[in-house]
C-alpha cells in the first residue's frame, strides 16, 4: 500500500533520516566516476582494440516503476540502481580491459 511522504517520514528511524543527506552526497562522486569511466573507454579502448562495455549491461532501473512506492522510496530505488550500475559498469570495464590485455598476442 502506498504511504504518503509525511507518514513515511513519521514512521522512519531517526538515524535513517539524519544519514540520508550523507548517503545522497555521494551522487557527485558517482557521476564523476561514471563520466571518467566513460571517457576512459572512449579514449583508451579503441587504441588497444578493445570493445566498449555498454552501460545497459550493468544498469537495471525498474523498481522505481512500482506503483506502491512513494516519492522518497522511488528516489531511493533510482539512486541505488544508478550507484550499483556505476559500480558494476566500472568493474565490467576493468575486467574486460584485463581479459583483453592479458590475452596472448599473435603477430
N, C-alpha and C. Protein backbone atom coordinates (compact mmCIF):
# COMPACT_ATOMS: atom_id res chain seq x y z
N UNK A 1 0.84 -1.17 0.00
CA UNK A 1 0.00 0.00 0.00
C UNK A 1 0.89 1.24 0.00
N UNK A 2 0.57 2.18 -0.88
CA UNK A 2 1.37 3.40 -1.00
C UNK A 2 1.16 4.27 0.24
N UNK A 3 2.27 4.72 0.80
CA UNK A 3 2.25 5.52 2.00
C UNK A 3 2.63 6.96 1.64
N UNK A 4 1.94 7.93 2.23
CA UNK A 4 2.27 9.32 1.94
C UNK A 4 3.66 9.64 2.47
N UNK A 5 4.29 10.65 1.90
CA UNK A 5 5.64 11.02 2.33
C UNK A 5 5.67 11.47 3.79
N UNK A 6 4.73 12.33 4.26
CA UNK A 6 4.75 12.68 5.68
C UNK A 6 4.59 11.46 6.60
N UNK A 7 3.70 10.55 6.25
CA UNK A 7 3.53 9.34 7.06
C UNK A 7 4.78 8.48 7.03
N UNK A 8 5.40 8.40 5.86
CA UNK A 8 6.64 7.64 5.71
C UNK A 8 7.73 8.21 6.62
N UNK A 9 7.87 9.54 6.61
CA UNK A 9 8.90 10.18 7.44
C UNK A 9 8.60 10.05 8.93
N UNK A 10 7.32 10.12 9.30
CA UNK A 10 6.96 9.94 10.71
C UNK A 10 7.32 8.55 11.20
N UNK A 11 7.17 7.54 10.36
CA UNK A 11 7.45 6.17 10.75
C UNK A 11 8.90 5.76 10.56
N UNK A 12 9.71 6.64 9.99
CA UNK A 12 11.10 6.30 9.70
C UNK A 12 11.96 6.39 10.95
N UNK A 13 13.00 5.60 10.95
CA UNK A 13 14.01 5.66 12.00
C UNK A 13 14.71 7.01 11.92
N UNK A 14 14.91 7.67 13.04
CA UNK A 14 15.53 9.00 13.05
C UNK A 14 16.93 8.96 12.44
N UNK A 15 17.66 7.87 12.65
CA UNK A 15 19.01 7.76 12.10
C UNK A 15 18.99 7.65 10.58
N UNK A 16 17.97 7.01 10.06
CA UNK A 16 17.82 6.93 8.60
C UNK A 16 17.61 8.30 8.00
N UNK A 17 16.80 9.10 8.65
CA UNK A 17 16.53 10.46 8.15
C UNK A 17 17.78 11.32 8.27
N UNK A 18 18.51 11.18 9.38
CA UNK A 18 19.70 12.00 9.59
C UNK A 18 20.87 11.61 8.68
N UNK A 19 20.97 10.35 8.32
CA UNK A 19 22.08 9.93 7.47
C UNK A 19 21.77 10.03 5.98
N UNK A 20 20.53 10.26 5.61
CA UNK A 20 20.15 10.36 4.19
C UNK A 20 20.97 11.41 3.43
N UNK A 21 21.16 12.63 3.98
CA UNK A 21 21.98 13.60 3.25
C UNK A 21 23.42 13.13 3.01
N UNK A 22 23.97 12.40 3.96
CA UNK A 22 25.33 11.87 3.79
C UNK A 22 25.35 10.85 2.66
N UNK A 23 24.37 9.98 2.65
CA UNK A 23 24.29 8.95 1.60
C UNK A 23 24.11 9.61 0.23
N UNK A 24 23.18 10.56 0.14
CA UNK A 24 22.91 11.20 -1.15
C UNK A 24 24.01 12.15 -1.58
N UNK A 25 24.92 12.51 -0.67
CA UNK A 25 26.05 13.36 -1.05
C UNK A 25 27.01 12.61 -1.98
N UNK A 26 26.87 11.31 -2.06
CA UNK A 26 27.71 10.52 -2.95
C UNK A 26 27.33 10.64 -4.42
N UNK A 27 26.24 11.32 -4.72
CA UNK A 27 25.81 11.41 -6.11
C UNK A 27 26.86 12.10 -6.98
N UNK A 28 27.49 13.15 -6.49
CA UNK A 28 28.51 13.85 -7.28
C UNK A 28 29.72 12.95 -7.56
N UNK A 29 30.30 12.29 -6.55
CA UNK A 29 31.41 11.38 -6.87
C UNK A 29 30.99 10.24 -7.81
N UNK A 30 29.76 9.75 -7.67
CA UNK A 30 29.30 8.68 -8.57
C UNK A 30 29.18 9.17 -10.00
N UNK A 31 28.65 10.36 -10.19
CA UNK A 31 28.53 10.92 -11.54
C UNK A 31 29.92 11.16 -12.13
N UNK A 32 30.84 11.66 -11.32
CA UNK A 32 32.21 11.88 -11.81
C UNK A 32 32.88 10.56 -12.17
N UNK A 33 32.69 9.52 -11.35
CA UNK A 33 33.25 8.21 -11.66
C UNK A 33 32.65 7.66 -12.95
N UNK A 34 31.34 7.80 -13.10
CA UNK A 34 30.66 7.34 -14.30
C UNK A 34 31.20 8.07 -15.53
N UNK A 35 31.36 9.36 -15.42
CA UNK A 35 31.90 10.16 -16.52
C UNK A 35 33.33 9.75 -16.84
N UNK A 36 34.15 9.54 -15.81
CA UNK A 36 35.54 9.17 -16.01
C UNK A 36 35.66 7.81 -16.69
N UNK A 37 34.88 6.82 -16.25
CA UNK A 37 34.94 5.50 -16.87
C UNK A 37 34.50 5.58 -18.33
N UNK A 38 33.48 6.39 -18.61
CA UNK A 38 33.02 6.57 -19.99
C UNK A 38 34.11 7.20 -20.85
N UNK A 39 34.74 8.26 -20.36
CA UNK A 39 35.82 8.92 -21.10
C UNK A 39 37.00 7.97 -21.29
N UNK A 40 37.33 7.24 -20.24
CA UNK A 40 38.42 6.26 -20.30
C UNK A 40 38.17 5.24 -21.42
N UNK A 41 36.95 4.71 -21.46
CA UNK A 41 36.62 3.75 -22.51
C UNK A 41 36.66 4.38 -23.90
N UNK A 42 36.16 5.60 -24.02
CA UNK A 42 36.13 6.26 -25.33
C UNK A 42 37.53 6.56 -25.86
N UNK A 43 38.46 6.84 -24.96
CA UNK A 43 39.82 7.19 -25.38
C UNK A 43 40.71 5.94 -25.48
N UNK A 44 40.75 5.14 -24.43
CA UNK A 44 41.73 4.06 -24.35
C UNK A 44 41.31 2.78 -25.08
N UNK A 45 40.06 2.41 -24.99
CA UNK A 45 39.65 1.13 -25.57
C UNK A 45 39.90 1.06 -27.07
N UNK A 46 39.56 2.08 -27.85
CA UNK A 46 39.83 1.99 -29.28
C UNK A 46 41.33 1.87 -29.61
N UNK A 47 42.16 2.53 -28.82
CA UNK A 47 43.61 2.48 -29.04
C UNK A 47 44.12 1.05 -28.91
N UNK A 48 43.59 0.32 -27.95
CA UNK A 48 44.04 -1.06 -27.72
C UNK A 48 43.17 -2.09 -28.42
N UNK A 49 42.20 -1.64 -29.20
CA UNK A 49 41.34 -2.56 -29.94
C UNK A 49 40.38 -3.33 -29.06
N UNK A 50 39.92 -2.69 -27.99
CA UNK A 50 39.01 -3.34 -27.05
C UNK A 50 37.60 -2.83 -27.29
N UNK A 51 36.65 -3.74 -27.33
CA UNK A 51 35.25 -3.34 -27.50
C UNK A 51 34.75 -2.62 -26.25
N UNK A 52 33.93 -1.63 -26.46
CA UNK A 52 33.39 -0.84 -25.35
C UNK A 52 32.40 -1.67 -24.53
N UNK A 53 32.41 -1.47 -23.22
CA UNK A 53 31.46 -2.12 -22.33
C UNK A 53 30.24 -1.21 -22.24
N UNK A 54 29.09 -1.73 -22.60
CA UNK A 54 27.88 -0.91 -22.62
C UNK A 54 27.23 -0.84 -21.25
N UNK A 55 26.86 0.34 -20.87
CA UNK A 55 26.27 0.61 -19.57
C UNK A 55 24.99 -0.20 -19.35
N UNK A 56 24.20 -0.37 -20.39
CA UNK A 56 22.91 -1.06 -20.21
C UNK A 56 23.09 -2.52 -19.77
N UNK A 57 24.27 -3.06 -19.94
CA UNK A 57 24.53 -4.42 -19.49
C UNK A 57 24.63 -4.51 -17.97
N UNK A 58 24.84 -3.37 -17.32
CA UNK A 58 25.05 -3.36 -15.87
C UNK A 58 24.06 -2.51 -15.10
N UNK A 59 23.27 -1.73 -15.78
CA UNK A 59 22.40 -0.78 -15.10
C UNK A 59 20.95 -1.18 -15.31
N UNK A 60 20.31 -1.59 -14.23
CA UNK A 60 18.92 -2.01 -14.27
C UNK A 60 18.08 -1.03 -13.47
N UNK A 61 17.15 -0.41 -14.11
CA UNK A 61 16.26 0.55 -13.46
C UNK A 61 14.83 0.09 -13.70
N UNK A 62 14.24 -0.57 -12.72
CA UNK A 62 12.86 -0.97 -12.90
C UNK A 62 12.02 -0.85 -11.63
N UNK A 63 12.64 -0.89 -10.50
CA UNK A 63 11.86 -0.89 -9.26
C UNK A 63 11.16 0.44 -8.98
N UNK A 64 11.69 1.53 -9.50
CA UNK A 64 11.05 2.83 -9.26
C UNK A 64 9.67 2.90 -9.91
N UNK A 65 9.37 1.98 -10.82
CA UNK A 65 8.08 1.98 -11.51
C UNK A 65 6.98 1.26 -10.71
N UNK A 66 7.33 0.70 -9.57
CA UNK A 66 6.32 0.02 -8.76
C UNK A 66 5.32 1.04 -8.24
N UNK A 67 4.06 0.78 -8.43
CA UNK A 67 3.02 1.74 -8.11
C UNK A 67 2.84 2.03 -6.64
N UNK A 68 3.25 1.14 -5.77
CA UNK A 68 3.03 1.32 -4.34
C UNK A 68 4.14 2.11 -3.65
N UNK A 69 5.15 2.55 -4.37
CA UNK A 69 6.24 3.33 -3.77
C UNK A 69 5.89 4.81 -3.76
N UNK A 70 6.25 5.48 -2.67
CA UNK A 70 6.08 6.94 -2.65
C UNK A 70 7.32 7.59 -3.26
N UNK A 71 7.35 8.91 -3.31
CA UNK A 71 8.44 9.64 -3.96
C UNK A 71 9.81 9.37 -3.36
N UNK A 72 9.87 9.27 -2.05
CA UNK A 72 11.16 9.01 -1.38
C UNK A 72 11.66 7.61 -1.72
N UNK A 73 10.76 6.64 -1.68
CA UNK A 73 11.15 5.27 -1.99
C UNK A 73 11.56 5.13 -3.45
N UNK A 74 10.89 5.83 -4.36
CA UNK A 74 11.27 5.80 -5.77
C UNK A 74 12.65 6.42 -5.97
N UNK A 75 12.90 7.54 -5.28
CA UNK A 75 14.21 8.19 -5.36
C UNK A 75 15.29 7.26 -4.83
N UNK A 76 15.00 6.57 -3.73
CA UNK A 76 15.97 5.60 -3.19
C UNK A 76 16.27 4.50 -4.20
N UNK A 77 15.25 4.00 -4.88
CA UNK A 77 15.44 2.94 -5.88
C UNK A 77 16.28 3.44 -7.06
N UNK A 78 16.00 4.65 -7.51
CA UNK A 78 16.77 5.21 -8.62
C UNK A 78 18.22 5.41 -8.23
N UNK A 79 18.45 5.97 -7.03
CA UNK A 79 19.81 6.20 -6.56
C UNK A 79 20.56 4.87 -6.42
N UNK A 80 19.93 3.88 -5.81
CA UNK A 80 20.58 2.58 -5.63
C UNK A 80 20.86 1.93 -6.98
N UNK A 81 19.91 1.99 -7.89
CA UNK A 81 20.12 1.40 -9.21
C UNK A 81 21.27 2.06 -9.95
N UNK A 82 21.33 3.39 -9.87
CA UNK A 82 22.41 4.11 -10.54
C UNK A 82 23.76 3.79 -9.90
N UNK A 83 23.82 3.83 -8.57
CA UNK A 83 25.10 3.59 -7.90
C UNK A 83 25.59 2.16 -8.14
N UNK A 84 24.71 1.18 -8.11
CA UNK A 84 25.11 -0.20 -8.40
C UNK A 84 25.53 -0.34 -9.86
N UNK A 85 24.83 0.35 -10.75
CA UNK A 85 25.19 0.29 -12.17
C UNK A 85 26.56 0.89 -12.44
N UNK A 86 26.85 2.02 -11.80
CA UNK A 86 28.17 2.65 -11.97
C UNK A 86 29.25 1.71 -11.44
N UNK A 87 29.02 1.14 -10.29
CA UNK A 87 29.99 0.23 -9.69
C UNK A 87 30.21 -0.99 -10.58
N UNK A 88 29.14 -1.64 -10.98
CA UNK A 88 29.25 -2.84 -11.79
C UNK A 88 29.81 -2.52 -13.18
N UNK A 89 29.43 -1.39 -13.75
CA UNK A 89 29.95 -0.99 -15.05
C UNK A 89 31.45 -0.74 -15.00
N UNK A 90 31.91 -0.11 -13.94
CA UNK A 90 33.35 0.10 -13.76
C UNK A 90 34.10 -1.21 -13.62
N UNK A 91 33.53 -2.13 -12.83
CA UNK A 91 34.15 -3.45 -12.69
C UNK A 91 34.14 -4.19 -14.03
N UNK A 92 33.05 -4.05 -14.78
CA UNK A 92 32.95 -4.71 -16.08
C UNK A 92 33.98 -4.19 -17.05
N UNK A 93 34.17 -2.88 -17.06
CA UNK A 93 35.18 -2.27 -17.94
C UNK A 93 36.58 -2.73 -17.55
N UNK A 94 36.84 -2.76 -16.26
CA UNK A 94 38.15 -3.21 -15.78
C UNK A 94 38.39 -4.67 -16.14
N UNK A 95 37.39 -5.51 -15.91
CA UNK A 95 37.50 -6.93 -16.22
C UNK A 95 37.71 -7.13 -17.73
N UNK A 96 36.95 -6.41 -18.53
CA UNK A 96 37.06 -6.51 -19.99
C UNK A 96 38.45 -6.07 -20.45
N UNK A 97 38.96 -4.98 -19.89
CA UNK A 97 40.30 -4.48 -20.23
C UNK A 97 41.36 -5.51 -19.87
N UNK A 98 41.28 -6.06 -18.66
CA UNK A 98 42.28 -7.03 -18.21
C UNK A 98 42.26 -8.30 -19.06
N UNK A 99 41.07 -8.79 -19.38
CA UNK A 99 40.98 -10.00 -20.20
C UNK A 99 41.59 -9.77 -21.57
N UNK A 100 41.32 -8.62 -22.15
CA UNK A 100 41.83 -8.33 -23.48
C UNK A 100 43.34 -8.13 -23.44
N UNK A 101 43.84 -7.42 -22.46
CA UNK A 101 45.27 -7.13 -22.40
C UNK A 101 46.10 -8.34 -21.98
N UNK A 102 45.50 -9.30 -21.29
CA UNK A 102 46.27 -10.46 -20.86
C UNK A 102 46.19 -11.60 -21.87
N UNK A 103 45.39 -11.43 -22.90
CA UNK A 103 45.29 -12.48 -23.93
C UNK A 103 46.60 -12.54 -24.70
N UNK A 104 47.00 -13.74 -25.12
CA UNK A 104 48.25 -13.86 -25.89
C UNK A 104 48.15 -13.08 -27.20
N UNK A 105 49.20 -12.40 -27.51
CA UNK A 105 49.26 -11.59 -28.74
C UNK A 105 49.81 -12.43 -29.89
N UNK A 106 49.17 -12.33 -31.02
CA UNK A 106 49.68 -13.00 -32.20
C UNK A 106 50.07 -11.94 -33.23
N UNK A 107 51.11 -12.20 -33.96
CA UNK A 107 51.55 -11.21 -34.95
C UNK A 107 51.41 -11.74 -36.32
